[in-house]
Amino acid sequence: MSSNDFSPENVLVVTFGEDAEKDQNAYQALTDLKQLDSQGQIKIAGAAVVARNPDGRVEVKSEVGDPPYAGTAGGGLIGLLVGVIGGPLGVLIGGTYGMLVGSLFDIDDVETTESVLGEISKQVQPTRTALLAQVVEQRPDVIDAAMAKLGGAVMRRPVVDVEEEIAAAEEAQRTARREARKELHKARVEKTKADAHAQVEELKSKFTRSKAGATA
């Protein structure tokens, strides 16, 4: 997204270098975002440091925990995002929503996934920490400069695009569940028919043997 396409309300993914020290800078980046918010330079709707485990699951390591941010990673857009990009084993159960969003983005498949969620998922690499945040910002250079001091690279995607794809992902899962239920029902019906047919064939066989015995 170029500066000409800048959206004031964005989801950010901040990634860091490969060595352990830079990897730990994700935690400092979270603190720095909070400071920028307190200074009125940006507004944070939710933010969390996350890491993708070797099994593909994305785990929240730290989040902005003071009011008014408490619980934002677990219950807001960032929490939903963590669930959706969580790898083949990753799921999110939204505590206040009572909904289940399974991961649609296997880390091995995102190379061929042309979507905002696929791009975000690709940034959260295995065994590495990254910062996810939903922010309102009037210009990109404020956060870019703060993250650059920590060796962080910032990727932005408009909140509206992320929300649209999460909604589409949830609908796709709902459709998939309906189709799965249909297939299970069909399989049960077919099994019942097969069992009934087999039972009738067995009764016919018994009847034939019994009739043959009676006429012998």
Protein backbone atom coordinates (compact mmCIF):
# COMPACT_ATOMS: atom_id res chain seq x y z
CA MET A 1 0.00 0.00 0.00
CA SER A 2 1.57 3.30 -1.10
CA SER A 3 1.37 6.59 0.78
CA ASN A 4 -1.23 7.72 -1.75
CA ASP A 5 -3.46 4.84 -0.63
CA PHE A 6 -2.95 5.51 3.08
CA SER A 7 -5.89 4.61 5.29
CA PRO A 8 -6.12 6.23 8.76
CA GLU A 9 -7.44 3.05 10.40
CA ASN A 10 -5.12 0.13 9.85
CA VAL A 11 -4.05 -3.27 11.04
CA LEU A 12 -0.29 -3.31 11.44
CA VAL A 13 2.08 -6.24 11.41
CA VAL A 14 5.54 -5.36 12.70
CA THR A 15 8.29 -7.93 12.23
CA PHE A 16 11.85 -7.91 13.44
CA GLY A 17 15.28 -9.33 12.61
CA GLU A 18 16.35 -12.94 12.98
CA ASP A 19 18.56 -12.70 16.07
CA ALA A 20 17.07 -13.21 19.52
CA GLU A 21 17.65 -9.62 20.66
CA LYS A 22 15.70 -8.11 17.76
CA ASP A 23 13.03 -10.74 18.22
CA GLN A 24 12.50 -9.50 21.77
CA ASN A 25 12.04 -5.96 20.48
CA ALA A 26 8.43 -6.83 19.68
CA TYR A 27 7.68 -6.39 23.38
CA GLN A 28 9.32 -2.96 23.45
CA ALA A 29 7.41 -2.06 20.30
CA LEU A 30 4.15 -2.76 22.11
CA THR A 31 5.22 -0.43 24.92
CA ASP A 32 6.22 2.25 22.43
CA LEU A 33 2.85 2.08 20.67
CA LYS A 34 1.14 2.60 23.99
CA GLN A 35 3.33 5.64 24.65
CA LEU A 36 2.46 7.13 21.27
CA ASP A 37 -1.20 6.63 22.15
CA SER A 38 -0.80 8.39 25.50
CA GLN A 39 0.82 11.31 23.65
CA GLY A 40 -2.18 11.57 21.35
CA GLN A 41 -0.15 10.78 18.24
CA ILE A 42 -2.08 7.58 17.48
CA LYS A 43 -5.05 5.70 18.89
CA ILE A 44 -4.80 2.00 19.70
CA ALA A 45 -7.90 -0.17 19.38
CA GLY A 46 -6.00 -3.37 20.16
CA ALA A 47 -2.44 -4.66 20.08
CA ALA A 48 -0.57 -7.84 20.94
CA VAL A 49 2.80 -9.53 20.60
CA VAL A 50 2.28 -12.93 19.01
CA ALA A 51 4.41 -15.90 18.03
CA ARG A 52 3.77 -18.84 15.74
CA ASN A 53 4.70 -22.14 17.38
CA PRO A 54 6.37 -24.93 15.38
CA ASP A 55 2.99 -26.69 15.11
CA GLY A 56 1.52 -23.64 13.37
CA ARG A 57 -0.53 -22.26 16.26
CA VAL A 58 -0.34 -18.49 16.82
CA GLU A 59 -0.11 -17.63 20.50
CA VAL A 60 -0.58 -14.24 22.18
CA LYS A 61 2.56 -13.55 24.22
CA SER A 62 1.75 -10.09 25.50
CA GLU A 63 -0.87 -7.42 24.97
CA VAL A 64 -1.59 -3.88 26.03
CA GLY A 65 -3.15 -4.68 29.38
CA ASP A 66 -4.17 -1.41 31.01
CA PRO A 67 -7.58 0.22 30.54
CA PRO A 68 -8.98 0.95 28.04
CA TYR A 69 -7.13 -1.81 26.19
CA ALA A 70 -7.55 -4.76 28.55
CA GLY A 71 -8.71 -7.82 26.69
CA THR A 72 -8.60 -6.21 23.26
CA ALA A 73 -6.39 -8.91 21.78
CA GLY A 74 -8.67 -11.64 23.05
CA GLY A 75 -12.03 -10.09 22.24
CA GLY A 76 -11.53 -7.60 19.42
CA LEU A 77 -10.39 -7.57 15.81
CA ILE A 78 -6.82 -8.53 16.73
CA GLY A 79 -8.11 -11.54 18.66
CA LEU A 80 -10.19 -12.67 15.70
CA LEU A 81 -7.20 -12.14 13.42
CA VAL A 82 -4.99 -14.31 15.63
CA GLY A 83 -7.55 -17.10 15.39
CA VAL A 84 -7.90 -16.91 11.62
CA ILE A 85 -4.15 -16.91 10.86
CA GLY A 86 -3.42 -19.45 13.58
CA GLY A 87 -2.21 -22.25 11.31
CA PRO A 88 -3.79 -25.66 10.66
CA LEU A 89 -4.23 -26.35 14.38
CA GLY A 90 -5.11 -22.83 15.41
CA VAL A 91 -8.61 -21.97 16.54
CA LEU A 92 -10.10 -19.07 18.39
CA ILE A 93 -13.11 -19.24 20.67
CA GLY A 94 -14.28 -15.66 21.16
CA GLY A 95 -15.29 -15.45 24.80
CA THR A 96 -17.93 -12.75 24.37
CA TYR A 97 -19.05 -13.86 20.94
CA GLY A 98 -19.46 -17.59 21.49
CA MET A 99 -18.25 -18.23 17.98
CA LEU A 100 -15.62 -20.55 16.64
CA VAL A 101 -13.32 -19.39 13.86
CA GLY A 102 -10.96 -22.06 12.58
CA SER A 103 -7.76 -21.22 10.78
CA LEU A 104 -8.00 -20.95 7.02
CA PHE A 105 -4.37 -20.12 6.39
CA ASP A 106 -1.79 -22.86 6.63
CA ILE A 107 1.65 -21.23 6.73
CA ASP A 108 2.73 -23.56 3.90
CA ASP A 109 -0.08 -22.38 1.62
CA VAL A 110 0.00 -18.61 2.01
CA GLU A 111 2.49 -18.21 -0.84
CA THR A 112 -0.42 -18.87 -3.20
CA THR A 113 -3.06 -17.07 -1.13
CA GLU A 114 -3.85 -13.69 -2.68
CA SER A 115 -5.58 -12.02 0.25
CA VAL A 116 -4.97 -9.58 3.06
CA LEU A 117 -5.23 -12.34 5.65
CA GLY A 118 -2.80 -14.47 3.67
CA GLU A 119 -0.31 -11.59 3.58
CA ILE A 120 -0.62 -11.06 7.32
CA SER A 121 -0.28 -14.77 8.02
CA LYS A 122 2.88 -14.94 5.95
CA GLN A 123 4.48 -12.24 8.11
CA VAL A 124 4.01 -14.24 11.33
CA GLN A 125 6.78 -16.77 10.86
CA PRO A 126 7.32 -19.94 12.95
CA THR A 127 9.23 -19.53 16.25
CA ARG A 128 9.34 -15.74 15.76
CA THR A 129 7.56 -12.89 17.52
CA ALA A 130 5.64 -10.15 15.74
CA LEU A 131 3.48 -7.24 16.78
CA LEU A 132 -0.14 -7.05 15.59
CA ALA A 133 -2.06 -3.85 16.19
CA GLN A 134 -5.23 -2.07 15.18
CA VAL A 135 -4.56 1.66 15.17
CA VAL A 136 -5.87 4.98 13.99
CA GLU A 137 -3.04 7.13 12.62
CA GLN A 138 -3.09 10.33 10.61
CA ARG A 139 0.19 9.63 8.84
CA PRO A 140 2.46 6.58 8.61
CA ASP A 141 5.79 8.15 9.54
CA VAL A 142 5.07 8.35 13.30
CA ILE A 143 4.82 4.60 13.82
CA ASP A 144 7.33 3.81 11.05
CA ALA A 145 10.01 5.90 12.78
CA ALA A 146 9.34 4.38 16.20
CA MET A 147 9.46 0.83 14.86
CA ALA A 148 12.56 1.50 12.75
CA LYS A 149 14.48 2.40 15.91
CA LEU A 150 13.83 -1.16 17.09
CA GLY A 151 14.66 -2.76 13.76
CA GLY A 152 11.00 -3.34 12.97
CA ALA A 153 9.46 -3.45 9.50
CA VAL A 154 5.83 -2.31 9.30
CA MET A 155 3.17 -3.74 7.00
CA ARG A 156 -0.21 -1.97 6.93
CA ARG A 157 -3.55 -3.14 5.69
CA PRO A 158 -6.81 -1.16 6.03
CA VAL A 159 -9.08 -2.33 8.83
CA VAL A 160 -12.04 -2.46 6.46
CA ASP A 161 -10.21 -4.95 4.21
CA VAL A 162 -9.27 -7.15 7.17
CA GLU A 163 -12.82 -7.10 8.52
CA GLU A 164 -14.27 -8.00 5.13
CA GLU A 165 -11.99 -11.00 4.78
CA ILE A 166 -12.59 -12.21 8.34
CA ALA A 167 -16.35 -12.01 7.70
CA ALA A 168 -15.89 -13.91 4.44
CA ALA A 169 -13.73 -16.50 6.20
CA GLU A 170 -16.38 -17.04 8.89
CA GLU A 171 -19.08 -17.40 6.23
CA ALA A 172 -16.91 -19.87 4.32
CA GLN A 173 -16.51 -21.94 7.46
CA ARG A 174 -20.26 -21.84 8.12
CA THR A 175 -20.87 -23.05 4.58
CA ALA A 176 -18.25 -25.77 4.97
CA ARG A 177 -19.90 -26.97 8.18
CA ARG A 178 -23.30 -27.11 6.46
CA GLU A 179 -21.84 -29.12 3.58
CA ALA A 180 -20.10 -31.45 6.02
CA ARG A 181 -23.37 -32.07 7.86
CA LYS A 182 -25.09 -32.80 4.56
CA GLU A 183 -22.41 -35.33 3.64
CA LEU A 184 -22.63 -37.00 7.04
CA HIS A 185 -26.41 -37.21 6.77
CA LYS A 186 -26.13 -38.64 3.26
CA ALA A 187 -23.61 -41.22 4.46
CA ARG A 188 -25.89 -42.24 7.34
CA VAL A 189 -28.88 -42.58 5.00
CA GLU A 190 -26.87 -44.63 2.53
CA LYS A 191 -25.56 -46.83 5.33
CA THR A 192 -29.09 -47.32 6.64
CA LYS A 193 -30.30 -48.28 3.16
CA ALA A 194 -27.36 -50.65 2.72
CA ASP A 195 -27.99 -52.22 6.13
CA ALA A 196 -31.70 -52.62 5.37
CA HIS A 197 -30.94 -54.17 2.00
CA ALA A 198 -28.45 -56.58 3.57
CA GLN A 199 -30.97 -57.52 6.25
CA VAL A 200 -33.69 -58.19 3.67
CA GLU A 201 -31.29 -60.27 1.58
CA GLU A 202 -30.44 -62.30 4.67
CA LEU A 203 -34.15 -62.84 5.43
CA LYS A 204 -34.77 -63.86 1.83
CA SER A 205 -31.89 -66.32 2.06
CA LYS A 206 -33.29 -67.78 5.28
CA PHE A 207 -36.75 -68.01 3.77
CA THR A 208 -35.39 -69.81 0.68
CA ARG A 209 -33.46 -72.29 2.82
CA SER A 210 -36.51 -72.84 5.05
CA LYS A 211 -38.77 -73.40 2.01
CA ALA A 212 -36.26 -75.77 0.49
CA GLY A 213 -36.11 -77.76 3.72
CA ALA A 214 -39.91 -77.98 3.89
CA THR A 215 -40.20 -79.45 0.41
CA ALA A 216 -37.35 -81.89 0.80
